[in-house]
Amino acid sequence: MEYLDFEQPIKDLMEQYDKCALVGEESGVDVKESCKKIEDKILDTKKKIYGNLSPWQRVQLSRHPDRPYTLDYIKGLADEDSFVELHGDRNFGDDPAMIGGLIKINGESVMIIGTQKGRTTKERQHRRFGMSNPEGYRKALRLMKLAEKFNIPIVTLVDTPGAYPGLEAEERGQGQAIAQNILEMCQMKTPIITIIIGEGASGGALGIGVGNKVYMLENTWYSVISPENCSAILWRSWEYKETAAATMKLTAQDMLKEKLIDAIIPEPLGGAHYDPKETYKNVKETILKDIKALSKQSGERLMKDRQEKFIDMGQYKG
């Protein structure tokens, strides 16, 4: 387990617990009571730390290297051997930073699409840290249109620091691809459920983020820009990223307060990576509940509700 800077007290206590358990194992001395006291202290410390997280600390948790990514969620949500990955945009090529395909969740057919990060250095380079090229967004749109054709619900999982900002991406029409996705998603007549599972930055997130229902996991963020880049623009330094994070109101709690999302999906104490199975269970329950409710609505109603939902965002009502 990798610990973040503010989790140091937990790390110290975990090391004490491991030493206590090792002493008992090697010496044969009964140390259960001592270990139990440390265990209780660990739980109390976790509650204090995770019960008072700052916006910047939630940003850090959203980027935790052990946090589940889209492929992990697919494995955790899908019925056994039901995932069929689909590739390519039928225009330029495939994009490993954007994955998607058909799965069954408790027997329900679903088109699942999401941005994918990597864990090793090689994987991160291959996936471009979850930053999609235009062909990734066009692939996502192709899969969404396929789902609409067969009236299959769409689930999108968002975890991206933004769309890929490279020269080649701009040459192939990055902005146009994202704009086209937003337009087309507003016009689709099948249920769309969007869940932010990590980072939700800028148009890179919105390119697959126009849903009838939009959720955020407890320790995620959603904004037009990252705190570091906001700090660099306003103060010409990344030094003020914590101030920027607090000012930007980018947490799930902020988004819910402003009615920009429908609900927050709870995470286990410490974050999704502490108990991925519990996280998958919470996400699965949310998806199945919404599929059941949204599938009762007509295509026209789904489209109109989605359009009104996003048109209403950001409007001042005095």
C-alpha atoms as a PDB file:
ATOM      1  CA  MET A   1       0.000   0.000   0.000  1.00  0.00           C
ATOM      2  CA  GLU A   2       1.321   3.420  -0.965  1.00  0.00           C
ATOM      3  CA  TYR A   3       0.561   6.224   1.497  1.00  0.00           C
ATOM      4  CA  LEU A   4      -0.010   9.896   0.701  1.00  0.00           C
ATOM      5  CA  ASP A   5       1.676  12.641   2.733  1.00  0.00           C
ATOM      6  CA  PHE A   6      -1.336  13.290   4.978  1.00  0.00           C
ATOM      7  CA  GLU A   7      -1.672   9.535   5.629  1.00  0.00           C
ATOM      8  CA  GLN A   8       1.708   9.326   7.408  1.00  0.00           C
ATOM      9  CA  PRO A   9       0.146   8.816  10.892  1.00  0.00           C
ATOM     10  CA  ILE A  10      -1.745   5.794   9.524  1.00  0.00           C
ATOM     11  CA  LYS A  11       1.434   4.418   7.964  1.00  0.00           C
ATOM     12  CA  ASP A  12       3.307   4.748  11.276  1.00  0.00           C
ATOM     13  CA  LEU A  13       0.562   2.921  13.161  1.00  0.00           C
ATOM     14  CA  MET A  14       0.379   0.182  10.516  1.00  0.00           C
ATOM     15  CA  GLU A  15       4.117  -0.381  10.914  1.00  0.00           C
ATOM     16  CA  GLN A  16       3.644  -0.632  14.691  1.00  0.00           C
ATOM     17  CA  TYR A  17       0.866  -3.166  14.176  1.00  0.00           C
ATOM     18  CA  ASP A  18       3.018  -5.264  11.826  1.00  0.00           C
ATOM     19  CA  LYS A  19       5.872  -5.259  14.358  1.00  0.00           C
ATOM     20  CA  CYS A  20       3.473  -6.247  17.139  1.00  0.00           C
ATOM     21  CA  ALA A  21       2.112  -9.151  15.097  1.00  0.00           C
ATOM     22  CA  LEU A  22       5.646 -10.238  14.142  1.00  0.00           C
ATOM     23  CA  VAL A  23       6.826 -10.244  17.776  1.00  0.00           C
ATOM     24  CA  GLY A  24       3.888 -12.440  18.744  1.00  0.00           C
ATOM     25  CA  GLU A  25       4.547 -14.813  15.866  1.00  0.00           C
ATOM     26  CA  GLU A  26       8.287 -15.169  16.490  1.00  0.00           C
ATOM     27  CA  SER A  27       8.284 -15.259  20.304  1.00  0.00           C
ATOM     28  CA  GLY A  28       5.068 -17.113  20.972  1.00  0.00           C
ATOM     29  CA  VAL A  29       4.056 -14.388  23.446  1.00  0.00           C
ATOM     30  CA  ASP A  30       0.351 -13.452  23.526  1.00  0.00           C
ATOM     31  CA  VAL A  31       0.242  -9.936  22.057  1.00  0.00           C
ATOM     32  CA  LYS A  32      -3.404  -9.948  20.968  1.00  0.00           C
ATOM     33  CA  GLU A  33      -4.390  -7.230  23.433  1.00  0.00           C
ATOM     34  CA  SER A  34      -1.510  -4.961  22.416  1.00  0.00           C
ATOM     35  CA  CYS A  35      -2.228  -5.464  18.722  1.00  0.00           C
ATOM     36  CA  LYS A  36      -5.944  -4.828  19.308  1.00  0.00           C
ATOM     37  CA  LYS A  37      -5.146  -1.464  20.944  1.00  0.00           C
ATOM     38  CA  ILE A  38      -3.047  -0.460  17.934  1.00  0.00           C
ATOM     39  CA  GLU A  39      -5.799  -1.666  15.589  1.00  0.00           C
ATOM     40  CA  ASP A  40      -8.376   0.472  17.422  1.00  0.00           C
ATOM     41  CA  LYS A  41      -6.032   3.442  17.246  1.00  0.00           C
ATOM     42  CA  ILE A  42      -5.616   2.919  13.484  1.00  0.00           C
ATOM     43  CA  LEU A  43      -9.396   3.004  13.021  1.00  0.00           C
ATOM     44  CA  ASP A  44      -9.750   6.165  15.132  1.00  0.00           C
ATOM     45  CA  THR A  45      -6.934   7.861  13.217  1.00  0.00           C
ATOM     46  CA  LYS A  46      -8.512   6.923   9.879  1.00  0.00           C
ATOM     47  CA  LYS A  47     -11.852   8.362  10.969  1.00  0.00           C
ATOM     48  CA  LYS A  48     -10.206  11.625  12.031  1.00  0.00           C
ATOM     49  CA  ILE A  49      -8.171  11.992   8.838  1.00  0.00           C
ATOM     50  CA  TYR A  50     -10.742  10.851   6.274  1.00  0.00           C
ATOM     51  CA  GLY A  51     -13.583  12.608   8.064  1.00  0.00           C
ATOM     52  CA  ASN A  52     -11.899  16.005   7.611  1.00  0.00           C
ATOM     53  CA  LEU A  53     -10.349  15.886   4.158  1.00  0.00           C
ATOM     54  CA  SER A  54      -9.492  19.141   2.407  1.00  0.00           C
ATOM     55  CA  PRO A  55     -10.347  19.574  -1.304  1.00  0.00           C
ATOM     56  CA  TRP A  56      -6.676  19.098  -2.219  1.00  0.00           C
ATOM     57  CA  GLN A  57      -6.484  15.871  -0.203  1.00  0.00           C
ATOM     58  CA  ARG A  58      -9.503  14.561  -2.104  1.00  0.00           C
ATOM     59  CA  VAL A  59      -7.712  15.432  -5.348  1.00  0.00           C
ATOM     60  CA  GLN A  60      -4.728  13.414  -4.100  1.00  0.00           C
ATOM     61  CA  LEU A  61      -6.968  10.445  -3.267  1.00  0.00           C
ATOM     62  CA  SER A  62      -8.565  10.614  -6.725  1.00  0.00           C
ATOM     63  CA  ARG A  63      -5.080  10.102  -8.193  1.00  0.00           C
ATOM     64  CA  HIS A  64      -3.935   7.379  -5.788  1.00  0.00           C
ATOM     65  CA  PRO A  65      -1.877   4.833  -7.776  1.00  0.00           C
ATOM     66  CA  ASP A  66      -3.756   1.906  -6.188  1.00  0.00           C
ATOM     67  CA  ARG A  67      -7.184   3.328  -7.013  1.00  0.00           C
ATOM     68  CA  PRO A  68      -9.348   1.156  -9.335  1.00  0.00           C
ATOM     69  CA  TYR A  69      -9.369   2.198 -12.989  1.00  0.00           C
ATOM     70  CA  THR A  70     -11.978   1.587 -15.687  1.00  0.00           C
ATOM     71  CA  LEU A  71     -10.813  -1.950 -16.547  1.00  0.00           C
ATOM     72  CA  ASP A  72     -10.905  -2.833 -12.845  1.00  0.00           C
ATOM     73  CA  TYR A  73     -14.495  -1.610 -12.640  1.00  0.00           C
ATOM     74  CA  ILE A  74     -15.429  -3.594 -15.732  1.00  0.00           C
ATOM     75  CA  LYS A  75     -14.053  -6.774 -14.137  1.00  0.00           C
ATOM     76  CA  GLY A  76     -15.818  -5.947 -10.883  1.00  0.00           C
ATOM     77  CA  LEU A  77     -19.179  -5.100 -12.478  1.00  0.00           C
ATOM     78  CA  ALA A  78     -19.509  -7.544 -15.370  1.00  0.00           C
ATOM     79  CA  ASP A  79     -21.012 -11.005 -15.238  1.00  0.00           C
ATOM     80  CA  GLU A  80     -18.306 -13.638 -15.721  1.00  0.00           C
ATOM     81  CA  ASP A  81     -16.634 -13.531 -19.159  1.00  0.00           C
ATOM     82  CA  SER A  82     -19.295 -11.155 -20.513  1.00  0.00           C
ATOM     83  CA  PHE A  83     -17.076  -8.214 -21.521  1.00  0.00           C
ATOM     84  CA  VAL A  84     -16.505  -7.894 -25.263  1.00  0.00           C
ATOM     85  CA  GLU A  85     -14.135  -5.004 -25.981  1.00  0.00           C
ATOM     86  CA  LEU A  86     -14.702  -3.082 -29.214  1.00  0.00           C
ATOM     87  CA  HIS A  87     -11.886  -1.236 -30.967  1.00  0.00           C
ATOM     88  CA  GLY A  88     -11.334   1.587 -33.439  1.00  0.00           C
ATOM     89  CA  ASP A  89     -13.154   4.704 -34.597  1.00  0.00           C
ATOM     90  CA  ARG A  90     -13.467   3.535 -38.250  1.00  0.00           C
ATOM     91  CA  ASN A  91     -11.744   6.757 -39.248  1.00  0.00           C
ATOM     92  CA  PHE A  92      -8.138   6.837 -38.016  1.00  0.00           C
ATOM     93  CA  GLY A  93      -7.398   4.101 -35.503  1.00  0.00           C
ATOM     94  CA  ASP A  94      -7.821   2.777 -31.977  1.00  0.00           C
ATOM     95  CA  ASP A  95      -7.034   4.662 -28.776  1.00  0.00           C
ATOM     96  CA  PRO A  96      -5.805   2.718 -25.713  1.00  0.00           C
ATOM     97  CA  ALA A  97      -6.683   5.679 -23.471  1.00  0.00           C
ATOM     98  CA  MET A  98     -10.389   5.180 -24.235  1.00  0.00           C
ATOM     99  CA  ILE A  99     -11.831   1.704 -23.887  1.00  0.00           C
ATOM    100  CA  GLY A 100     -15.328   0.375 -24.359  1.00  0.00           C
ATOM    101  CA  GLY A 101     -17.471  -2.580 -25.188  1.00  0.00           C
ATOM    102  CA  LEU A 102     -20.498  -4.662 -24.308  1.00  0.00           C
ATOM    103  CA  ILE A 103     -20.972  -6.262 -20.901  1.00  0.00           C
ATOM    104  CA  LYS A 104     -23.738  -7.850 -18.895  1.00  0.00           C
ATOM    105  CA  ILE A 105     -24.410  -6.632 -15.352  1.00  0.00           C
ATOM    106  CA  ASN A 106     -26.713  -9.047 -13.515  1.00  0.00           C
ATOM    107  CA  GLY A 107     -27.986 -10.146 -16.914  1.00  0.00           C
ATOM    108  CA  GLU A 108     -28.573  -6.588 -18.187  1.00  0.00           C
ATOM    109  CA  SER A 109     -26.812  -5.700 -21.451  1.00  0.00           C
ATOM    110  CA  VAL A 110     -24.808  -2.483 -21.111  1.00  0.00           C
ATOM    111  CA  MET A 111     -22.432  -0.533 -23.347  1.00  0.00           C
ATOM    112  CA  ILE A 112     -19.632   0.571 -21.035  1.00  0.00           C
ATOM    113  CA  ILE A 113     -17.098   3.228 -22.058  1.00  0.00           C
ATOM    114  CA  GLY A 114     -14.336   4.852 -20.046  1.00  0.00           C
ATOM    115  CA  THR A 115     -10.936   6.479 -19.939  1.00  0.00           C
ATOM    116  CA  GLN A 116      -8.144   4.146 -18.852  1.00  0.00           C
ATOM    117  CA  LYS A 117      -4.910   4.964 -17.026  1.00  0.00           C
ATOM    118  CA  GLY A 118      -1.929   2.669 -16.499  1.00  0.00           C
ATOM    119  CA  ARG A 119      -0.132   1.412 -13.396  1.00  0.00           C
ATOM    120  CA  THR A 120       3.422   0.814 -14.606  1.00  0.00           C
ATOM    121  CA  THR A 121       5.530   3.413 -16.415  1.00  0.00           C
ATOM    122  CA  LYS A 122       5.118   1.513 -19.688  1.00  0.00           C
ATOM    123  CA  GLU A 123       1.337   1.230 -19.253  1.00  0.00           C
ATOM    124  CA  ARG A 124       1.015   4.918 -18.383  1.00  0.00           C
ATOM    125  CA  GLN A 125       2.845   5.883 -21.556  1.00  0.00           C
ATOM    126  CA  HIS A 126       0.719   3.467 -23.595  1.00  0.00           C
ATOM    127  CA  ARG A 127      -2.518   4.842 -22.115  1.00  0.00           C
ATOM    128  CA  ARG A 128      -1.184   8.426 -22.143  1.00  0.00           C
ATOM    129  CA  PHE A 129      -2.146   8.811 -18.470  1.00  0.00           C
ATOM    130  CA  GLY A 130      -5.828   8.522 -19.395  1.00  0.00           C
ATOM    131  CA  MET A 131      -5.745  11.392 -21.910  1.00  0.00           C
ATOM    132  CA  SER A 132      -7.633  10.517 -25.081  1.00  0.00           C
ATOM    133  CA  ASN A 133      -6.843  11.446 -28.650  1.00  0.00           C
ATOM    134  CA  PRO A 134      -9.658  12.432 -31.071  1.00  0.00           C
ATOM    135  CA  GLU A 135      -9.936   8.819 -32.231  1.00  0.00           C
ATOM    136  CA  GLY A 136     -10.739   7.866 -28.633  1.00  0.00           C
ATOM    137  CA  TYR A 137     -13.713  10.215 -28.526  1.00  0.00           C
ATOM    138  CA  ARG A 138     -14.815   9.123 -31.994  1.00  0.00           C
ATOM    139  CA  LYS A 139     -14.576   5.484 -30.927  1.00  0.00           C
ATOM    140  CA  ALA A 140     -16.683   6.294 -27.861  1.00  0.00           C
ATOM    141  CA  LEU A 141     -19.280   7.977 -30.077  1.00  0.00           C
ATOM    142  CA  ARG A 142     -19.346   5.010 -32.459  1.00  0.00           C
ATOM    143  CA  LEU A 143     -20.043   2.659 -29.551  1.00  0.00           C
ATOM    144  CA  MET A 144     -22.729   4.952 -28.145  1.00  0.00           C
ATOM    145  CA  LYS A 145     -24.503   5.078 -31.510  1.00  0.00           C
ATOM    146  CA  LEU A 146     -24.326   1.287 -31.697  1.00  0.00           C
ATOM    147  CA  ALA A 147     -25.911   1.075 -28.242  1.00  0.00           C
ATOM    148  CA  GLU A 148     -28.641   3.527 -29.243  1.00  0.00           C
ATOM    149  CA  LYS A 149     -29.436   1.475 -32.347  1.00  0.00           C
ATOM    150  CA  PHE A 150     -30.200  -1.581 -30.197  1.00  0.00           C
ATOM    151  CA  ASN A 151     -31.673   0.396 -27.275  1.00  0.00           C
ATOM    152  CA  ILE A 152     -28.874  -0.653 -24.908  1.00  0.00           C
ATOM    153  CA  PRO A 153     -28.160   1.564 -21.859  1.00  0.00           C
ATOM    154  CA  ILE A 154     -24.805   3.371 -21.861  1.00  0.00           C
ATOM    155  CA  VAL A 155     -22.524   3.699 -18.826  1.00  0.00           C
ATOM    156  CA  THR A 156     -19.502   6.010 -19.023  1.00  0.00           C
ATOM    157  CA  LEU A 157     -16.683   5.983 -16.461  1.00  0.00           C
ATOM    158  CA  VAL A 158     -14.641   9.183 -16.282  1.00  0.00           C
ATOM    159  CA  ASP A 159     -11.072   9.316 -14.958  1.00  0.00           C
ATOM    160  CA  THR A 160      -8.954  11.745 -16.947  1.00  0.00           C
ATOM    161  CA  PRO A 161      -6.708  14.769 -16.331  1.00  0.00           C
ATOM    162  CA  GLY A 162      -8.015  16.098 -19.662  1.00  0.00           C
ATOM    163  CA  ALA A 163      -7.952  15.376 -23.371  1.00  0.00           C
ATOM    164  CA  TYR A 164      -4.479  14.756 -24.820  1.00  0.00           C
ATOM    165  CA  PRO A 165      -2.908  18.169 -25.634  1.00  0.00           C
ATOM    166  CA  GLY A 166      -0.394  16.978 -28.233  1.00  0.00           C
ATOM    167  CA  LEU A 167       0.140  18.511 -31.670  1.00  0.00           C
ATOM    168  CA  GLU A 168      -1.095  15.366 -33.438  1.00  0.00           C
ATOM    169  CA  ALA A 169      -4.319  15.439 -31.441  1.00  0.00           C
ATOM    170  CA  GLU A 170      -4.964  19.039 -32.452  1.00  0.00           C
ATOM    171  CA  GLU A 171      -4.198  18.244 -36.094  1.00  0.00           C
ATOM    172  CA  ARG A 172      -6.763  15.427 -36.022  1.00  0.00           C
ATOM    173  CA  GLY A 173      -9.458  17.696 -34.554  1.00  0.00           C
ATOM    174  CA  GLN A 174      -9.451  17.245 -30.779  1.00  0.00           C
ATOM    175  CA  GLY A 175     -11.845  20.109 -30.062  1.00  0.00           C
ATOM    176  CA  GLN A 176     -14.212  19.093 -32.846  1.00  0.00           C
ATOM    177  CA  ALA A 177     -14.312  15.474 -31.649  1.00  0.00           C
ATOM    178  CA  ILE A 178     -15.238  16.489 -28.097  1.00  0.00           C
ATOM    179  CA  ALA A 179     -17.825  19.019 -29.291  1.00  0.00           C
ATOM    180  CA  GLN A 180     -19.372  16.421 -31.604  1.00  0.00           C
ATOM    181  CA  ASN A 181     -19.654  13.951 -28.724  1.00  0.00           C
ATOM    182  CA  ILE A 182     -21.386  16.507 -26.508  1.00  0.00           C
ATOM    183  CA  LEU A 183     -23.847  17.352 -29.293  1.00  0.00           C
ATOM    184  CA  GLU A 184     -24.580  13.729 -30.184  1.00  0.00           C
ATOM    185  CA  MET A 185     -24.933  12.628 -26.550  1.00  0.00           C
ATOM    186  CA  CYS A 186     -27.544  15.349 -26.040  1.00  0.00           C
ATOM    187  CA  GLN A 187     -29.576  13.819 -28.877  1.00  0.00           C
ATOM    188  CA  MET A 188     -29.387  10.117 -27.991  1.00  0.00           C
ATOM    189  CA  LYS A 189     -32.575   8.229 -27.182  1.00  0.00           C
ATOM    190  CA  THR A 190     -31.161   5.600 -24.855  1.00  0.00           C
ATOM    191  CA  PRO A 191     -30.326   5.886 -21.122  1.00  0.00           C
ATOM    192  CA  ILE A 192     -26.876   7.315 -20.334  1.00  0.00           C
ATOM    193  CA  ILE A 193     -25.343   7.012 -16.857  1.00  0.00           C
ATOM    194  CA  THR A 194     -22.074   8.837 -16.158  1.00  0.00           C
ATOM    195  CA  ILE A 195     -19.868   8.110 -13.146  1.00  0.00           C
ATOM    196  CA  ILE A 196     -16.707  10.035 -12.287  1.00  0.00           C
ATOM    197  CA  ILE A 197     -14.411   7.434 -10.715  1.00  0.00           C
ATOM    198  CA  GLY A 198     -11.263   9.562 -10.376  1.00  0.00           C
ATOM    199  CA  GLU A 199     -10.331  12.790 -12.113  1.00  0.00           C
ATOM    200  CA  GLY A 200     -12.878  14.701 -14.187  1.00  0.00           C
ATOM    201  CA  ALA A 201     -11.016  17.454 -15.978  1.00  0.00           C
ATOM    202  CA  SER A 202     -12.275  19.820 -18.623  1.00  0.00           C
ATOM    203  CA  GLY A 203     -13.646  18.818 -22.028  1.00  0.00           C
ATOM    204  CA  GLY A 204     -11.729  15.573 -21.745  1.00  0.00           C
ATOM    205  CA  ALA A 205     -14.269  14.491 -19.148  1.00  0.00           C
ATOM    206  CA  LEU A 206     -17.301  16.133 -20.738  1.00  0.00           C
ATOM    207  CA  GLY A 207     -16.630  14.337 -24.040  1.00  0.00           C
ATOM    208  CA  ILE A 208     -18.143  11.201 -22.460  1.00  0.00           C
ATOM    209  CA  GLY A 209     -19.905  12.939 -19.568  1.00  0.00           C
ATOM    210  CA  VAL A 210     -23.345  13.986 -20.826  1.00  0.00           C
ATOM    211  CA  GLY A 211     -25.665  11.643 -18.941  1.00  0.00           C
ATOM    212  CA  ASN A 212     -29.245  11.427 -17.769  1.00  0.00           C
ATOM    213  CA  LYS A 213     -27.693  10.664 -14.396  1.00  0.00           C
ATOM    214  CA  VAL A 214     -24.268  11.964 -13.374  1.00  0.00           C
ATOM    215  CA  TYR A 215     -22.557  10.620 -10.265  1.00  0.00           C
ATOM    216  CA  MET A 216     -19.245  11.153  -8.531  1.00  0.00           C
ATOM    217  CA  LEU A 217     -17.476   8.785  -6.205  1.00  0.00           C
ATOM    218  CA  GLU A 218     -16.821  10.321  -2.804  1.00  0.00           C
ATOM    219  CA  ASN A 219     -13.137  11.174  -3.346  1.00  0.00           C
ATOM    220  CA  THR A 220     -13.143  12.499  -6.900  1.00  0.00           C
ATOM    221  CA  TRP A 221     -13.113  15.917  -8.548  1.00  0.00           C
ATOM    222  CA  TYR A 222     -14.769  17.574 -11.534  1.00  0.00           C
ATOM    223  CA  SER A 223     -13.675  20.919 -12.987  1.00  0.00           C
ATOM    224  CA  VAL A 224     -12.665  22.846 -16.091  1.00  0.00           C
ATOM    225  CA  ILE A 225      -9.003  22.669 -15.059  1.00  0.00           C
ATOM    226  CA  SER A 226      -6.732  20.932 -12.548  1.00  0.00           C
ATOM    227  CA  PRO A 227      -5.752  22.781  -9.331  1.00  0.00           C
ATOM    228  CA  GLU A 228      -2.094  22.858 -10.421  1.00  0.00           C
ATOM    229  CA  ASN A 229      -2.865  24.500 -13.752  1.00  0.00           C
ATOM    230  CA  CYS A 230      -5.311  26.906 -12.134  1.00  0.00           C
ATOM    231  CA  SER A 231      -2.567  27.874  -9.671  1.00  0.00           C
ATOM    232  CA  ALA A 232      -0.075  28.307 -12.518  1.00  0.00           C
ATOM    233  CA  ILE A 233      -2.453  30.656 -14.375  1.00  0.00           C
ATOM    234  CA  LEU A 234      -3.502  32.770 -11.388  1.00  0.00           C
ATOM    235  CA  TRP A 235      -0.275  32.798  -9.348  1.00  0.00           C
ATOM    236  CA  ARG A 236       2.294  31.703 -11.951  1.00  0.00           C
ATOM    237  CA  SER A 237       3.303  28.771  -9.757  1.00  0.00           C
ATOM    238  CA  TRP A 238       2.013  25.330  -8.711  1.00  0.00           C
ATOM    239  CA  GLU A 239       2.765  26.329  -5.125  1.00  0.00           C
ATOM    240  CA  TYR A 240      -0.829  27.496  -4.552  1.00  0.00           C
ATOM    241  CA  LYS A 241      -2.533  24.317  -5.777  1.00  0.00           C
ATOM    242  CA  GLU A 242      -4.160  23.701  -2.368  1.00  0.00           C
ATOM    243  CA  THR A 243      -5.653  27.208  -2.343  1.00  0.00           C
ATOM    244  CA  ALA A 244      -6.805  26.718  -5.928  1.00  0.00           C
ATOM    245  CA  ALA A 245      -8.476  23.392  -5.081  1.00  0.00           C
ATOM    246  CA  ALA A 246     -10.430  24.998  -2.240  1.00  0.00           C
ATOM    247  CA  THR A 247     -11.422  28.019  -4.341  1.00  0.00           C
ATOM    248  CA  MET A 248     -12.516  26.017  -7.387  1.00  0.00           C
ATOM    249  CA  LYS A 249     -15.227  24.052  -5.523  1.00  0.00           C
ATOM    250  CA  LEU A 250     -14.344  20.894  -7.432  1.00  0.00           C
ATOM    251  CA  THR A 251     -15.154  18.106  -4.971  1.00  0.00           C
ATOM    252  CA  ALA A 252     -18.124  15.765  -5.176  1.00  0.00           C
ATOM    253  CA  GLN A 253     -19.598  17.516  -2.150  1.00  0.00           C
ATOM    254  CA  ASP A 254     -19.330  20.901  -3.903  1.00  0.00           C
ATOM    255  CA  MET A 255     -20.829  19.531  -7.115  1.00  0.00           C
ATOM    256  CA  LEU A 256     -23.800  18.055  -5.264  1.00  0.00           C
ATOM    257  CA  LYS A 257     -24.387  21.305  -3.387  1.00  0.00           C
ATOM    258  CA  GLU A 258     -24.476  23.191  -6.702  1.00  0.00           C
ATOM    259  CA  LYS A 259     -26.789  20.521  -8.173  1.00  0.00           C
ATOM    260  CA  LEU A 260     -24.328  19.716 -10.953  1.00  0.00           C
ATOM    261  CA  ILE A 261     -24.469  15.990 -10.156  1.00  0.00           C
ATOM    262  CA  ASP A 262     -27.305  13.736  -9.031  1.00  0.00           C
ATOM    263  CA  ALA A 263     -25.649  12.009  -6.075  1.00  0.00           C
ATOM    264  CA  ILE A 264     -22.383  10.914  -4.477  1.00  0.00           C
ATOM    265  CA  ILE A 265     -21.499   7.217  -4.486  1.00  0.00           C
ATOM    266  CA  PRO A 266     -19.843   6.383  -1.134  1.00  0.00           C
ATOM    267  CA  GLU A 267     -16.359   4.899  -0.921  1.00  0.00           C
ATOM    268  CA  PRO A 268     -14.912   2.681   1.821  1.00  0.00           C
ATOM    269  CA  LEU A 269     -13.080   4.481   4.638  1.00  0.00           C
ATOM    270  CA  GLY A 270      -9.770   5.635   3.150  1.00  0.00           C
ATOM    271  CA  GLY A 271     -10.840   5.530  -0.480  1.00  0.00           C
ATOM    272  CA  ALA A 272     -11.935   3.128  -3.217  1.00  0.00           C
ATOM    273  CA  HIS A 273      -8.554   1.354  -3.195  1.00  0.00           C
ATOM    274  CA  TYR A 274      -8.976   0.186   0.415  1.00  0.00           C
ATOM    275  CA  ASP A 275     -11.874  -2.081  -0.524  1.00  0.00           C
ATOM    276  CA  PRO A 276     -12.448  -2.230  -4.297  1.00  0.00           C
ATOM    277  CA  LYS A 277     -15.130  -4.926  -3.987  1.00  0.00           C
ATOM    278  CA  GLU A 278     -17.245  -2.688  -1.757  1.00  0.00           C
ATOM    279  CA  THR A 279     -16.794   0.151  -4.264  1.00  0.00           C
ATOM    280  CA  TYR A 280     -17.843  -2.057  -7.193  1.00  0.00           C
ATOM    281  CA  LYS A 281     -20.907  -3.138  -5.190  1.00  0.00           C
ATOM    282  CA  ASN A 282     -21.947   0.483  -4.585  1.00  0.00           C
ATOM    283  CA  VAL A 283     -21.430   1.387  -8.244  1.00  0.00           C
ATOM    284  CA  LYS A 284     -23.286  -1.701  -9.487  1.00  0.00           C
ATOM    285  CA  GLU A 285     -26.306  -0.977  -7.279  1.00  0.00           C
ATOM    286  CA  THR A 286     -26.446   2.588  -8.604  1.00  0.00           C
ATOM    287  CA  ILE A 287     -26.229   1.482 -12.244  1.00  0.00           C
ATOM    288  CA  LEU A 288     -28.888  -1.235 -11.940  1.00  0.00           C
ATOM    289  CA  LYS A 289     -31.270   1.081 -10.077  1.00  0.00           C
ATOM    290  CA  ASP A 290     -30.993   3.720 -12.800  1.00  0.00           C
ATOM    291  CA  ILE A 291     -31.245   1.285 -15.698  1.00  0.00           C
ATOM    292  CA  LYS A 292     -34.504  -0.005 -14.227  1.00  0.00           C
ATOM    293  CA  ALA A 293     -35.916   3.513 -13.791  1.00  0.00           C
ATOM    294  CA  LEU A 294     -34.645   5.085 -17.015  1.00  0.00           C
ATOM    295  CA  SER A 295     -35.624   2.144 -19.232  1.00  0.00           C
ATOM    296  CA  LYS A 296     -39.269   2.900 -18.448  1.00  0.00           C
ATOM    297  CA  GLN A 297     -38.973   6.304 -20.131  1.00  0.00           C
ATOM    298  CA  SER A 298     -39.385   6.932 -23.851  1.00  0.00           C
ATOM    299  CA  GLY A 299     -36.399   7.863 -26.003  1.00  0.00           C
ATOM    300  CA  GLU A 300     -37.809  11.340 -26.541  1.00  0.00           C
ATOM    301  CA  ARG A 301     -38.219  11.850 -22.793  1.00  0.00           C
ATOM    302  CA  LEU A 302     -34.659  10.681 -22.090  1.00  0.00           C
ATOM    303  CA  MET A 303     -33.274  13.040 -24.723  1.00  0.00           C
ATOM    304  CA  LYS A 304     -35.309  16.027 -23.541  1.00  0.00           C
ATOM    305  CA  ASP A 305     -34.465  15.495 -19.852  1.00  0.00           C
ATOM    306  CA  ARG A 306     -30.752  15.224 -20.667  1.00  0.00           C
ATOM    307  CA  GLN A 307     -30.812  18.406 -22.725  1.00  0.00           C
ATOM    308  CA  GLU A 308     -32.663  20.347 -20.040  1.00  0.00           C
ATOM    309  CA  LYS A 309     -30.293  19.041 -17.362  1.00  0.00           C
ATOM    310  CA  PHE A 310     -27.202  20.434 -19.088  1.00  0.00           C
ATOM    311  CA  ILE A 311     -28.777  23.624 -20.458  1.00  0.00           C
ATOM    312  CA  ASP A 312     -29.836  24.466 -16.895  1.00  0.00           C
ATOM    313  CA  MET A 313     -26.259  24.226 -15.581  1.00  0.00           C
ATOM    314  CA  GLY A 314     -24.587  27.518 -14.783  1.00  0.00           C
ATOM    315  CA  GLN A 315     -27.647  29.688 -15.300  1.00  0.00           C
ATOM    316  CA  TYR A 316     -28.079  32.462 -12.763  1.00  0.00           C
ATOM    317  CA  LYS A 317     -31.475  32.424 -11.115  1.00  0.00           C
ATOM    318  CA  GLY A 318     -32.053  35.558  -9.043  1.00  0.00           C
END
